[in-house]
Each structure stands twice: as C-alpha cells, then as structure tokens.
Amino acid sequence: MPLHVPPAPAPALRSVLAALGSPTAVRAARTPSLRTAQGPARPDLPLPVHELDHTGAQAAPADGSPTTLTGWRFLIRCGERAVAAAETMLTPDGWAFSHFCEGPYIPSAELALRQAEALPTPYQPRLLSVPELYMLTLWLHGDCTADAEGGAVAPADVLVPLSPAPPGIAAHRPHRAADLLAALSHRLTPAPLLGSPA
C-alpha cells in the first residue's frame, strides 16, 4: 500500500532549494558526501519532524501522546542515491533552512520507508524524535488525511525505530505506538532523588 507523503510547506522547500543552490551553504555543511556528490542535488521525501512531549510516553493517554512539530526533513538525492538530509525549522518569520546532515539516518530512513510501503495498511509517514533517548523513529500515522504538522501519536499508529536505536530497542522493527511508548516510559521517567546519608 503506498504511503501518503504529506506535502511540505512551500517556504520550507524553497529554503532547502536556496541552500542547495548556495555554494557557501554546501561548502560549509559538514556533509562530505553532499560536497563531493556528482550531478544536481534535489530534495525528496519531505517528512514533518515531531518531538515527543516529555510526558507523552509516560502518560500514554487514550487519545494519543502529544507531540510538538520541530521541523521538516528532506532527503537530498543525487541521481537515484540519497547522499544527505536537509532540515528546516520554524522561525518567527516562517520556515527557514536549518542544516544539512548525513550519517546512519539516511540509509535507515530509506529502508524504513521501503518496509512501510510493503505494509497492507495506508499510512501518513512522519518522523518522531525522542531527544532524551537520542532516538528517531519513522512514525506511521493511521489518518492519511490529517494535518501533518499537528496531532498526537495515536495508540494504534506504528513506530519504526531508526538506526542506531537505543540499547534494547531493535531498529527497523515495527511497533504499535502504545506498546513502544509504554516500553520507553521507564527510560523517560526521572530517577527518584535519594536522601542524604544520615
């Protein structure tokens, strides 16, 4: 079943295109594969990046775990190969280019998206970040018509941890959102403060 990839905001896409067209921005990027890529680079597969609310995994409300939109991430392709990613952020003046990046996220995201396309249920793909665990997941939202920039992680949504995943979490294994968030809740709960020794 094909994924329903949401369109990125036009200003976000324009900011990435402007950065790709700027030799200064590309040279300044700490992405060797982008600087040495042969042929034109183009943005592809824009995905909204949401951050899990600090209490989202702990509370696990019946209507979903709250998130905050932090940006849009685009894969950057040269020919058929993804060589980097570009991220945008929301500023008081609107969407703006933030930075280029590369690393294990690129092939991991491509693999997770290919796996998701083979699922029998249609989904809207998003990215869900859990900064406290240095964790990024492909979030497969069950409502394909939802506003990609809003909403909560529904209990029946699917989360696919990207590589590298935190210890004890298998990368590329799809999880029902309620199950994975419940498993993460103890990792996100602050340890109780111990009293002073007497």
N, C-alpha and C. Protein backbone atom coordinates (compact mmCIF):
# COMPACT_ATOMS: atom_id res chain seq x y z
N MET A 1 0.86 -1.17 0.00
CA MET A 1 0.00 0.00 0.00
C MET A 1 0.91 1.23 0.00
N PRO A 2 0.68 2.15 -0.91
CA PRO A 2 1.57 3.33 -0.95
C PRO A 2 1.40 4.21 0.28
N LEU A 3 2.49 4.86 0.65
CA LEU A 3 2.43 5.84 1.73
C LEU A 3 1.86 7.13 1.20
N HIS A 4 1.17 7.86 2.04
CA HIS A 4 0.61 9.16 1.68
C HIS A 4 1.55 10.23 2.23
N VAL A 5 2.60 10.55 1.47
CA VAL A 5 3.61 11.51 1.92
C VAL A 5 3.01 12.91 1.86
N PRO A 6 2.99 13.61 3.00
CA PRO A 6 2.38 14.95 3.02
C PRO A 6 3.26 15.95 2.28
N PRO A 7 2.65 16.95 1.66
CA PRO A 7 3.47 17.99 1.02
C PRO A 7 4.09 18.90 2.07
N ALA A 8 5.32 19.27 1.85
CA ALA A 8 5.99 20.20 2.77
C ALA A 8 5.48 21.60 2.51
N PRO A 9 5.53 22.47 3.50
CA PRO A 9 5.17 23.88 3.26
C PRO A 9 6.09 24.46 2.18
N ALA A 10 5.52 25.23 1.26
CA ALA A 10 6.31 25.80 0.16
C ALA A 10 7.52 26.59 0.65
N PRO A 11 7.41 27.42 1.72
CA PRO A 11 8.59 28.15 2.18
C PRO A 11 9.71 27.22 2.68
N ALA A 12 9.35 26.08 3.28
CA ALA A 12 10.36 25.13 3.74
C ALA A 12 11.12 24.56 2.55
N LEU A 13 10.37 24.17 1.51
CA LEU A 13 11.01 23.63 0.30
C LEU A 13 11.88 24.69 -0.36
N ARG A 14 11.37 25.91 -0.46
CA ARG A 14 12.17 26.99 -1.07
C ARG A 14 13.47 27.23 -0.31
N SER A 15 13.42 27.15 1.02
CA SER A 15 14.63 27.40 1.81
C SER A 15 15.67 26.30 1.57
N VAL A 16 15.22 25.07 1.38
CA VAL A 16 16.16 23.97 1.09
C VAL A 16 16.74 24.14 -0.32
N LEU A 17 15.90 24.48 -1.27
CA LEU A 17 16.39 24.70 -2.64
C LEU A 17 17.41 25.84 -2.68
N ALA A 18 17.15 26.91 -1.91
CA ALA A 18 18.09 28.03 -1.87
C ALA A 18 19.41 27.58 -1.25
N ALA A 19 19.37 26.77 -0.19
CA ALA A 19 20.60 26.29 0.43
C ALA A 19 21.38 25.38 -0.52
N LEU A 20 20.66 24.52 -1.26
CA LEU A 20 21.33 23.64 -2.23
C LEU A 20 21.97 24.45 -3.35
N GLY A 21 21.37 25.58 -3.69
CA GLY A 21 21.90 26.42 -4.76
C GLY A 21 23.00 27.37 -4.30
N SER A 22 23.29 27.36 -3.01
CA SER A 22 24.30 28.26 -2.46
C SER A 22 25.61 27.51 -2.26
N PRO A 23 26.64 27.78 -3.07
CA PRO A 23 27.93 27.10 -2.86
C PRO A 23 28.46 27.31 -1.45
N THR A 24 28.19 28.46 -0.85
CA THR A 24 28.66 28.72 0.51
C THR A 24 28.01 27.77 1.51
N ALA A 25 26.68 27.60 1.40
CA ALA A 25 25.97 26.71 2.33
C ALA A 25 26.42 25.27 2.17
N VAL A 26 26.61 24.83 0.93
CA VAL A 26 27.02 23.45 0.69
C VAL A 26 28.45 23.23 1.17
N ARG A 27 29.35 24.21 0.90
CA ARG A 27 30.74 24.08 1.36
C ARG A 27 30.82 24.08 2.88
N ALA A 28 29.98 24.87 3.53
CA ALA A 28 30.01 24.98 4.99
C ALA A 28 29.40 23.76 5.67
N ALA A 29 28.62 22.98 4.93
CA ALA A 29 27.97 21.81 5.52
C ALA A 29 29.01 20.77 5.90
N ARG A 30 28.77 20.13 7.04
CA ARG A 30 29.67 19.06 7.46
C ARG A 30 29.18 17.73 6.90
N THR A 31 28.94 17.72 5.62
CA THR A 31 28.45 16.52 4.94
C THR A 31 29.33 16.26 3.72
N PRO A 32 30.42 15.52 3.89
CA PRO A 32 31.32 15.27 2.78
C PRO A 32 30.63 14.68 1.55
N SER A 33 29.65 13.82 1.76
CA SER A 33 29.00 13.19 0.60
C SER A 33 28.23 14.22 -0.22
N LEU A 34 27.70 15.26 0.41
CA LEU A 34 27.00 16.30 -0.33
C LEU A 34 27.98 17.18 -1.08
N ARG A 35 29.11 17.51 -0.45
CA ARG A 35 30.11 18.36 -1.10
C ARG A 35 30.75 17.67 -2.30
N THR A 36 30.88 16.34 -2.26
CA THR A 36 31.56 15.62 -3.34
C THR A 36 30.58 14.94 -4.31
N ALA A 37 29.28 15.13 -4.12
CA ALA A 37 28.29 14.48 -4.98
C ALA A 37 28.41 14.97 -6.42
N GLN A 38 28.23 14.03 -7.33
CA GLN A 38 28.27 14.35 -8.76
C GLN A 38 26.85 14.59 -9.25
N GLY A 39 26.65 15.66 -9.99
CA GLY A 39 25.34 15.95 -10.55
C GLY A 39 24.51 16.82 -9.64
N PRO A 40 23.34 17.23 -10.12
CA PRO A 40 22.49 18.13 -9.33
C PRO A 40 21.88 17.41 -8.12
N ALA A 41 21.77 18.12 -7.02
CA ALA A 41 21.14 17.59 -5.81
C ALA A 41 19.72 18.12 -5.75
N ARG A 42 18.80 17.25 -5.33
CA ARG A 42 17.40 17.66 -5.25
C ARG A 42 16.76 17.14 -3.96
N PRO A 43 15.89 17.93 -3.35
CA PRO A 43 15.20 17.46 -2.14
C PRO A 43 14.10 16.47 -2.50
N ASP A 44 13.90 15.48 -1.63
CA ASP A 44 12.92 14.42 -1.88
C ASP A 44 12.34 13.97 -0.54
N LEU A 45 11.19 13.36 -0.56
CA LEU A 45 10.53 12.77 0.59
C LEU A 45 10.53 13.68 1.83
N PRO A 46 9.84 14.81 1.77
CA PRO A 46 9.77 15.67 2.95
C PRO A 46 8.93 15.01 4.04
N LEU A 47 9.44 14.99 5.25
CA LEU A 47 8.70 14.42 6.37
C LEU A 47 8.70 15.43 7.53
N PRO A 48 7.53 15.66 8.13
CA PRO A 48 7.50 16.53 9.31
C PRO A 48 8.19 15.83 10.48
N VAL A 49 8.96 16.60 11.23
CA VAL A 49 9.66 16.05 12.40
C VAL A 49 8.94 16.54 13.64
N HIS A 50 8.44 15.59 14.42
CA HIS A 50 7.74 15.91 15.67
C HIS A 50 8.59 15.41 16.83
N GLU A 51 8.53 16.14 17.93
CA GLU A 51 9.22 15.73 19.14
C GLU A 51 8.19 15.26 20.14
N LEU A 52 8.45 14.10 20.74
CA LEU A 52 7.53 13.57 21.73
C LEU A 52 7.54 14.47 22.95
N ASP A 53 6.35 14.85 23.40
CA ASP A 53 6.24 15.66 24.61
C ASP A 53 6.90 14.89 25.75
N HIS A 54 7.55 15.61 26.65
CA HIS A 54 8.29 14.97 27.75
C HIS A 54 7.41 14.03 28.56
N THR A 55 6.13 14.33 28.65
CA THR A 55 5.22 13.46 29.41
C THR A 55 4.47 12.50 28.50
N GLY A 56 4.69 12.61 27.17
CA GLY A 56 3.90 11.83 26.22
C GLY A 56 4.00 10.34 26.40
N ALA A 57 5.20 9.82 26.56
CA ALA A 57 5.36 8.38 26.70
C ALA A 57 4.96 7.91 28.09
N GLN A 58 5.05 8.80 29.07
CA GLN A 58 4.73 8.40 30.43
C GLN A 58 3.22 8.35 30.68
N ALA A 59 2.52 9.35 30.12
CA ALA A 59 1.09 9.43 30.38
C ALA A 59 0.30 8.47 29.52
N ALA A 60 0.70 8.29 28.25
CA ALA A 60 0.01 7.42 27.30
C ALA A 60 -1.51 7.58 27.36
N PRO A 61 -2.03 8.81 27.13
CA PRO A 61 -3.47 9.00 27.18
C PRO A 61 -4.18 8.21 26.08
N ALA A 62 -5.45 7.92 26.32
CA ALA A 62 -6.21 7.11 25.36
C ALA A 62 -6.31 7.77 24.00
N ASP A 63 -6.31 9.12 23.96
CA ASP A 63 -6.44 9.80 22.67
C ASP A 63 -5.09 10.07 22.02
N GLY A 64 -4.01 9.62 22.61
CA GLY A 64 -2.70 9.75 21.98
C GLY A 64 -1.69 10.50 22.83
N SER A 65 -0.43 10.36 22.45
CA SER A 65 0.67 11.02 23.15
C SER A 65 1.00 12.32 22.42
N PRO A 66 1.02 13.45 23.13
CA PRO A 66 1.23 14.74 22.47
C PRO A 66 2.64 14.90 21.90
N THR A 67 2.71 15.66 20.80
CA THR A 67 3.98 15.95 20.15
C THR A 67 4.03 17.43 19.80
N THR A 68 5.23 17.89 19.47
CA THR A 68 5.43 19.26 19.01
C THR A 68 6.18 19.21 17.68
N LEU A 69 5.67 19.90 16.68
CA LEU A 69 6.36 19.97 15.40
C LEU A 69 7.63 20.80 15.57
N THR A 70 8.78 20.23 15.14
CA THR A 70 10.05 20.96 15.25
C THR A 70 10.67 21.30 13.91
N GLY A 71 10.20 20.69 12.83
CA GLY A 71 10.77 20.99 11.52
C GLY A 71 10.28 20.05 10.45
N TRP A 72 10.86 20.20 9.27
CA TRP A 72 10.65 19.28 8.14
C TRP A 72 12.02 18.81 7.70
N ARG A 73 12.13 17.52 7.42
CA ARG A 73 13.40 16.94 6.96
C ARG A 73 13.21 16.37 5.56
N PHE A 74 14.14 16.70 4.68
CA PHE A 74 14.11 16.26 3.29
C PHE A 74 15.32 15.36 3.04
N LEU A 75 15.13 14.25 2.34
CA LEU A 75 16.29 13.51 1.84
C LEU A 75 16.83 14.29 0.65
N ILE A 76 18.15 14.34 0.51
CA ILE A 76 18.77 15.01 -0.62
C ILE A 76 19.35 13.95 -1.54
N ARG A 77 18.87 13.92 -2.77
CA ARG A 77 19.29 12.90 -3.74
C ARG A 77 20.17 13.51 -4.82
N CYS A 78 21.15 12.73 -5.21
CA CYS A 78 21.94 12.99 -6.42
C CYS A 78 21.74 11.77 -7.28
N GLY A 79 21.04 11.93 -8.39
CA GLY A 79 20.65 10.77 -9.17
C GLY A 79 19.65 9.96 -8.37
N GLU A 80 19.89 8.67 -8.26
CA GLU A 80 18.98 7.80 -7.51
C GLU A 80 19.42 7.60 -6.07
N ARG A 81 20.54 8.17 -5.68
CA ARG A 81 21.13 7.91 -4.36
C ARG A 81 20.89 9.08 -3.41
N ALA A 82 20.42 8.77 -2.20
CA ALA A 82 20.30 9.79 -1.16
C ALA A 82 21.68 9.98 -0.54
N VAL A 83 22.17 11.22 -0.53
CA VAL A 83 23.51 11.50 -0.04
C VAL A 83 23.51 12.29 1.26
N ALA A 84 22.40 12.88 1.63
CA ALA A 84 22.33 13.71 2.83
C ALA A 84 20.87 13.98 3.15
N ALA A 85 20.66 14.77 4.17
CA ALA A 85 19.33 15.25 4.51
C ALA A 85 19.44 16.74 4.80
N ALA A 86 18.35 17.44 4.61
CA ALA A 86 18.28 18.87 4.93
C ALA A 86 17.13 19.06 5.89
N GLU A 87 17.37 19.87 6.91
CA GLU A 87 16.32 20.12 7.88
C GLU A 87 15.97 21.60 7.90
N THR A 88 14.67 21.86 8.06
CA THR A 88 14.19 23.23 8.18
C THR A 88 13.60 23.40 9.57
N MET A 89 13.45 24.65 9.97
CA MET A 89 12.87 24.94 11.29
C MET A 89 11.91 26.12 11.15
N LEU A 90 10.99 26.17 12.07
CA LEU A 90 10.02 27.26 12.09
C LEU A 90 10.59 28.41 12.90
N THR A 91 10.65 29.58 12.28
CA THR A 91 11.14 30.79 12.95
C THR A 91 9.98 31.78 13.05
N PRO A 92 10.15 32.89 13.76
CA PRO A 92 9.08 33.89 13.81
C PRO A 92 8.71 34.42 12.42
N ASP A 93 9.65 34.33 11.45
CA ASP A 93 9.37 34.80 10.09
C ASP A 93 8.89 33.68 9.17
N GLY A 94 8.68 32.49 9.69
CA GLY A 94 8.24 31.37 8.85
C GLY A 94 9.31 30.29 8.77
N TRP A 95 9.15 29.40 7.80
CA TRP A 95 10.07 28.27 7.65
C TRP A 95 11.40 28.74 7.08
N ALA A 96 12.50 28.20 7.66
CA ALA A 96 13.85 28.57 7.22
C ALA A 96 14.74 27.33 7.22
N PHE A 97 15.72 27.32 6.33
CA PHE A 97 16.70 26.23 6.29
C PHE A 97 17.47 26.22 7.61
N SER A 98 17.70 25.03 8.15
CA SER A 98 18.46 24.90 9.40
C SER A 98 19.86 24.34 9.13
N HIS A 99 19.93 23.11 8.57
CA HIS A 99 21.24 22.49 8.36
C HIS A 99 21.13 21.26 7.46
N PHE A 100 22.27 20.86 6.92
CA PHE A 100 22.41 19.59 6.22
C PHE A 100 22.98 18.59 7.20
N CYS A 101 22.68 17.31 7.00
CA CYS A 101 23.28 16.26 7.83
C CYS A 101 23.41 14.99 7.00
N GLU A 102 24.24 14.09 7.49
CA GLU A 102 24.35 12.77 6.88
C GLU A 102 24.63 11.79 8.01
N GLY A 103 24.84 10.55 7.67
CA GLY A 103 25.10 9.54 8.68
C GLY A 103 24.12 8.39 8.56
N PRO A 104 24.00 7.59 9.62
CA PRO A 104 23.17 6.38 9.54
C PRO A 104 21.69 6.66 9.32
N TYR A 105 21.24 7.89 9.62
CA TYR A 105 19.83 8.22 9.40
C TYR A 105 19.42 8.01 7.94
N ILE A 106 20.29 8.36 7.02
CA ILE A 106 19.92 8.35 5.60
C ILE A 106 19.52 6.95 5.13
N PRO A 107 20.42 5.95 5.19
CA PRO A 107 20.02 4.62 4.74
C PRO A 107 18.94 4.00 5.62
N SER A 108 18.95 4.33 6.91
CA SER A 108 17.95 3.77 7.82
C SER A 108 16.55 4.28 7.47
N ALA A 109 16.45 5.57 7.19
CA ALA A 109 15.15 6.14 6.82
C ALA A 109 14.65 5.55 5.51
N GLU A 110 15.56 5.41 4.54
CA GLU A 110 15.15 4.82 3.26
C GLU A 110 14.65 3.39 3.43
N LEU A 111 15.36 2.60 4.24
CA LEU A 111 14.95 1.22 4.49
C LEU A 111 13.59 1.18 5.18
N ALA A 112 13.41 2.00 6.20
CA ALA A 112 12.13 2.01 6.93
C ALA A 112 10.98 2.42 6.02
N LEU A 113 11.21 3.39 5.14
CA LEU A 113 10.15 3.82 4.22
C LEU A 113 9.81 2.70 3.22
N ARG A 114 10.83 1.99 2.74
CA ARG A 114 10.56 0.84 1.83
C ARG A 114 9.75 -0.23 2.56
N GLN A 115 10.12 -0.52 3.81
CA GLN A 115 9.37 -1.51 4.59
C GLN A 115 7.93 -1.05 4.78
N ALA A 116 7.74 0.23 5.06
CA ALA A 116 6.39 0.75 5.30
C ALA A 116 5.52 0.66 4.05
N GLU A 117 6.13 0.87 2.88
CA GLU A 117 5.35 0.79 1.65
C GLU A 117 4.84 -0.63 1.39
N ALA A 118 5.48 -1.62 1.99
CA ALA A 118 5.05 -3.01 1.80
C ALA A 118 3.94 -3.42 2.76
N LEU A 119 3.61 -2.56 3.73
CA LEU A 119 2.55 -2.89 4.68
C LEU A 119 1.18 -2.83 4.00
N PRO A 120 0.21 -3.62 4.47
CA PRO A 120 -1.10 -3.64 3.81
C PRO A 120 -1.97 -2.43 4.11
N THR A 121 -1.63 -1.66 5.14
CA THR A 121 -2.44 -0.51 5.55
C THR A 121 -1.81 0.78 5.07
N PRO A 122 -2.60 1.73 4.55
CA PRO A 122 -2.02 3.03 4.17
C PRO A 122 -1.70 3.86 5.41
N TYR A 123 -0.60 4.60 5.35
CA TYR A 123 -0.18 5.45 6.45
C TYR A 123 0.33 6.78 5.91
N GLN A 124 0.34 7.79 6.80
CA GLN A 124 1.00 9.05 6.53
C GLN A 124 2.33 9.02 7.28
N PRO A 125 3.46 9.05 6.56
CA PRO A 125 4.75 8.98 7.26
C PRO A 125 5.16 10.31 7.87
N ARG A 126 5.73 10.23 9.05
CA ARG A 126 6.28 11.37 9.78
C ARG A 126 7.52 10.87 10.50
N LEU A 127 8.26 11.76 11.11
CA LEU A 127 9.37 11.37 11.97
C LEU A 127 9.03 11.79 13.39
N LEU A 128 9.36 10.92 14.34
CA LEU A 128 9.14 11.22 15.75
C LEU A 128 10.47 11.13 16.47
N SER A 129 10.85 12.23 17.09
CA SER A 129 12.11 12.31 17.82
C SER A 129 11.86 12.18 19.32
N VAL A 130 12.70 11.39 19.98
CA VAL A 130 12.69 11.28 21.44
C VAL A 130 14.08 11.71 21.89
N PRO A 131 14.30 13.03 22.04
CA PRO A 131 15.66 13.54 22.29
C PRO A 131 16.32 12.98 23.53
N GLU A 132 15.54 12.71 24.58
CA GLU A 132 16.12 12.19 25.81
C GLU A 132 16.82 10.86 25.60
N LEU A 133 16.40 10.11 24.58
CA LEU A 133 16.99 8.79 24.30
C LEU A 133 17.83 8.81 23.02
N TYR A 134 18.04 9.99 22.44
CA TYR A 134 18.75 10.09 21.15
C TYR A 134 18.12 9.13 20.15
N MET A 135 16.80 9.15 20.08
CA MET A 135 16.05 8.19 19.29
C MET A 135 15.20 8.90 18.23
N LEU A 136 15.23 8.35 17.03
CA LEU A 136 14.40 8.85 15.94
C LEU A 136 13.63 7.66 15.38
N THR A 137 12.32 7.83 15.19
CA THR A 137 11.51 6.76 14.63
C THR A 137 10.75 7.26 13.41
N LEU A 138 10.47 6.33 12.50
CA LEU A 138 9.51 6.61 11.44
C LEU A 138 8.14 6.41 12.08
N TRP A 139 7.33 7.45 12.07
CA TRP A 139 6.00 7.42 12.68
C TRP A 139 5.01 7.24 11.54
N LEU A 140 4.31 6.12 11.54
CA LEU A 140 3.31 5.84 10.52
C LEU A 140 1.94 6.14 11.13
N HIS A 141 1.42 7.30 10.76
CA HIS A 141 0.16 7.80 11.31
C HIS A 141 -1.00 7.20 10.52
N GLY A 142 -1.98 6.68 11.25
CA GLY A 142 -3.09 5.98 10.62
C GLY A 142 -4.06 6.85 9.86
N ASP A 143 -4.12 8.15 10.18
CA ASP A 143 -5.04 9.05 9.50
C ASP A 143 -4.28 9.74 8.36
N CYS A 144 -4.45 9.24 7.15
CA CYS A 144 -3.71 9.76 5.99
C CYS A 144 -4.14 11.16 5.58
N THR A 145 -5.30 11.61 6.05
CA THR A 145 -5.79 12.93 5.67
C THR A 145 -5.51 13.99 6.74
N ALA A 146 -4.87 13.59 7.83
CA ALA A 146 -4.61 14.52 8.94
C ALA A 146 -3.61 15.59 8.52
N ASP A 147 -3.67 16.73 9.19
CA ASP A 147 -2.68 17.78 9.01
C ASP A 147 -1.35 17.23 9.52
N ALA A 148 -0.37 17.13 8.65
CA ALA A 148 0.91 16.52 9.00
C ALA A 148 1.67 17.30 10.06
N GLU A 149 1.31 18.55 10.26
CA GLU A 149 2.03 19.38 11.22
C GLU A 149 1.42 19.34 12.62
N GLY A 150 0.32 18.64 12.79
CA GLY A 150 -0.33 18.60 14.09
C GLY A 150 -0.63 17.19 14.52
N GLY A 151 -1.23 17.11 15.68
CA GLY A 151 -1.71 15.81 16.14
C GLY A 151 -0.83 15.14 17.16
N ALA A 152 -1.38 14.06 17.68
CA ALA A 152 -0.71 13.26 18.69
C ALA A 152 -0.45 11.87 18.12
N VAL A 153 0.46 11.15 18.74
CA VAL A 153 0.71 9.76 18.34
C VAL A 153 -0.46 8.94 18.85
N ALA A 154 -1.25 8.40 17.94
CA ALA A 154 -2.40 7.58 18.33
C ALA A 154 -1.90 6.21 18.79
N PRO A 155 -2.58 5.60 19.75
CA PRO A 155 -2.12 4.30 20.25
C PRO A 155 -1.96 3.24 19.17
N ALA A 156 -2.79 3.29 18.12
CA ALA A 156 -2.72 2.29 17.06
C ALA A 156 -1.75 2.65 15.94
N ASP A 157 -1.14 3.85 15.99
CA ASP A 157 -0.13 4.20 15.00
C ASP A 157 1.04 3.22 15.11
N VAL A 158 1.89 3.22 14.09
CA VAL A 158 3.05 2.33 14.08
C VAL A 158 4.32 3.17 14.16
N LEU A 159 5.24 2.76 15.03
CA LEU A 159 6.54 3.42 15.17
C LEU A 159 7.63 2.42 14.78
N VAL A 160 8.54 2.88 13.90
CA VAL A 160 9.65 2.05 13.45
C VAL A 160 10.94 2.74 13.87
N PRO A 161 11.63 2.24 14.92
CA PRO A 161 12.88 2.88 15.34
C PRO A 161 13.93 2.85 14.23
N LEU A 162 14.58 3.99 14.02
CA LEU A 162 15.64 4.06 13.02
C LEU A 162 16.97 3.74 13.68
N SER A 163 17.92 3.39 12.86
CA SER A 163 19.25 3.02 13.35
C SER A 163 20.13 4.26 13.43
N PRO A 164 20.91 4.40 14.49
CA PRO A 164 21.04 3.48 15.62
C PRO A 164 19.94 3.71 16.65
N ALA A 165 19.35 2.62 17.13
CA ALA A 165 18.31 2.69 18.14
C ALA A 165 18.95 2.56 19.52
N PRO A 166 18.25 3.02 20.56
CA PRO A 166 18.79 2.87 21.92
C PRO A 166 18.99 1.40 22.28
N PRO A 167 19.89 1.11 23.20
CA PRO A 167 20.10 -0.28 23.62
C PRO A 167 18.79 -0.94 24.03
N GLY A 168 18.61 -2.17 23.59
CA GLY A 168 17.41 -2.92 23.94
C GLY A 168 16.23 -2.68 23.02
N ILE A 169 16.36 -1.76 22.04
CA ILE A 169 15.30 -1.48 21.07
C ILE A 169 15.83 -1.89 19.70
N ALA A 170 15.12 -2.78 19.02
CA ALA A 170 15.56 -3.24 17.70
C ALA A 170 15.19 -2.22 16.64
N ALA A 171 16.19 -1.80 15.86
CA ALA A 171 15.92 -0.88 14.74
C ALA A 171 15.15 -1.63 13.66
N HIS A 172 14.29 -0.91 12.97
CA HIS A 172 13.53 -1.40 11.82
C HIS A 172 12.47 -2.44 12.17
N ARG A 173 12.16 -2.57 13.43
CA ARG A 173 11.08 -3.48 13.81
C ARG A 173 9.85 -2.64 14.11
N PRO A 174 8.76 -2.81 13.34
CA PRO A 174 7.55 -2.01 13.59
C PRO A 174 6.91 -2.36 14.94
N HIS A 175 6.47 -1.33 15.64
CA HIS A 175 5.81 -1.50 16.94
C HIS A 175 4.51 -0.72 16.92
N ARG A 176 3.49 -1.25 17.54
CA ARG A 176 2.29 -0.47 17.81
C ARG A 176 2.73 0.66 18.74
N ALA A 177 2.32 1.89 18.46
CA ALA A 177 2.80 3.05 19.21
C ALA A 177 2.57 2.90 20.71
N ALA A 178 1.40 2.44 21.11
CA ALA A 178 1.11 2.29 22.54
C ALA A 178 2.10 1.35 23.20
N ASP A 179 2.49 0.29 22.50
CA ASP A 179 3.42 -0.70 23.07
C ASP A 179 4.82 -0.13 23.21
N LEU A 180 5.32 0.54 22.15
CA LEU A 180 6.68 1.07 22.21
C LEU A 180 6.76 2.21 23.22
N LEU A 181 5.77 3.09 23.24
CA LEU A 181 5.81 4.20 24.19
C LEU A 181 5.73 3.70 25.62
N ALA A 182 4.97 2.62 25.85
CA ALA A 182 4.93 2.04 27.20
C ALA A 182 6.29 1.47 27.57
N ALA A 183 6.97 0.83 26.61
CA ALA A 183 8.30 0.27 26.87
C ALA A 183 9.32 1.36 27.14
N LEU A 184 9.12 2.53 26.53
CA LEU A 184 10.06 3.64 26.72
C LEU A 184 9.79 4.42 28.00
N SER A 185 8.60 4.27 28.55
CA SER A 185 8.19 5.14 29.66
C SER A 185 9.14 5.06 30.85
N HIS A 186 9.63 3.86 31.18
CA HIS A 186 10.53 3.76 32.34
C HIS A 186 11.88 4.43 32.06
N ARG A 187 12.27 4.49 30.80
CA ARG A 187 13.53 5.16 30.46
C ARG A 187 13.39 6.68 30.53
N LEU A 188 12.17 7.17 30.34
CA LEU A 188 11.94 8.61 30.35
C LEU A 188 11.53 9.14 31.71
N THR A 189 11.26 8.24 32.65
CA THR A 189 10.87 8.65 33.99
C THR A 189 12.11 9.01 34.79
N PRO A 190 12.16 10.21 35.35
CA PRO A 190 13.34 10.58 36.13
C PRO A 190 13.51 9.66 37.34
N ALA A 191 14.75 9.35 37.64
CA ALA A 191 15.03 8.51 38.81
C ALA A 191 14.69 9.30 40.07
N PRO A 192 14.16 8.62 41.09
CA PRO A 192 13.84 9.34 42.33
C PRO A 192 15.11 9.83 43.00
N LEU A 193 15.00 10.97 43.62
CA LEU A 193 16.15 11.52 44.34
C LEU A 193 16.34 10.75 45.63
N LEU A 194 17.55 10.40 45.90
CA LEU A 194 17.85 9.68 47.14
C LEU A 194 18.14 10.70 48.24
N GLY A 195 17.75 10.35 49.44
CA GLY A 195 18.00 11.24 50.57
C GLY A 195 19.47 11.28 50.94
N SER A 196 19.86 12.26 51.67
CA SER A 196 21.25 12.38 52.12
C SER A 196 21.53 11.29 53.15
N PRO A 197 22.74 10.75 53.12
CA PRO A 197 23.06 9.77 54.15
C PRO A 197 23.04 10.41 55.53
N ALA A 198 22.60 9.65 56.51
CA ALA A 198 22.49 10.18 57.88
C ALA A 198 23.84 10.23 58.56
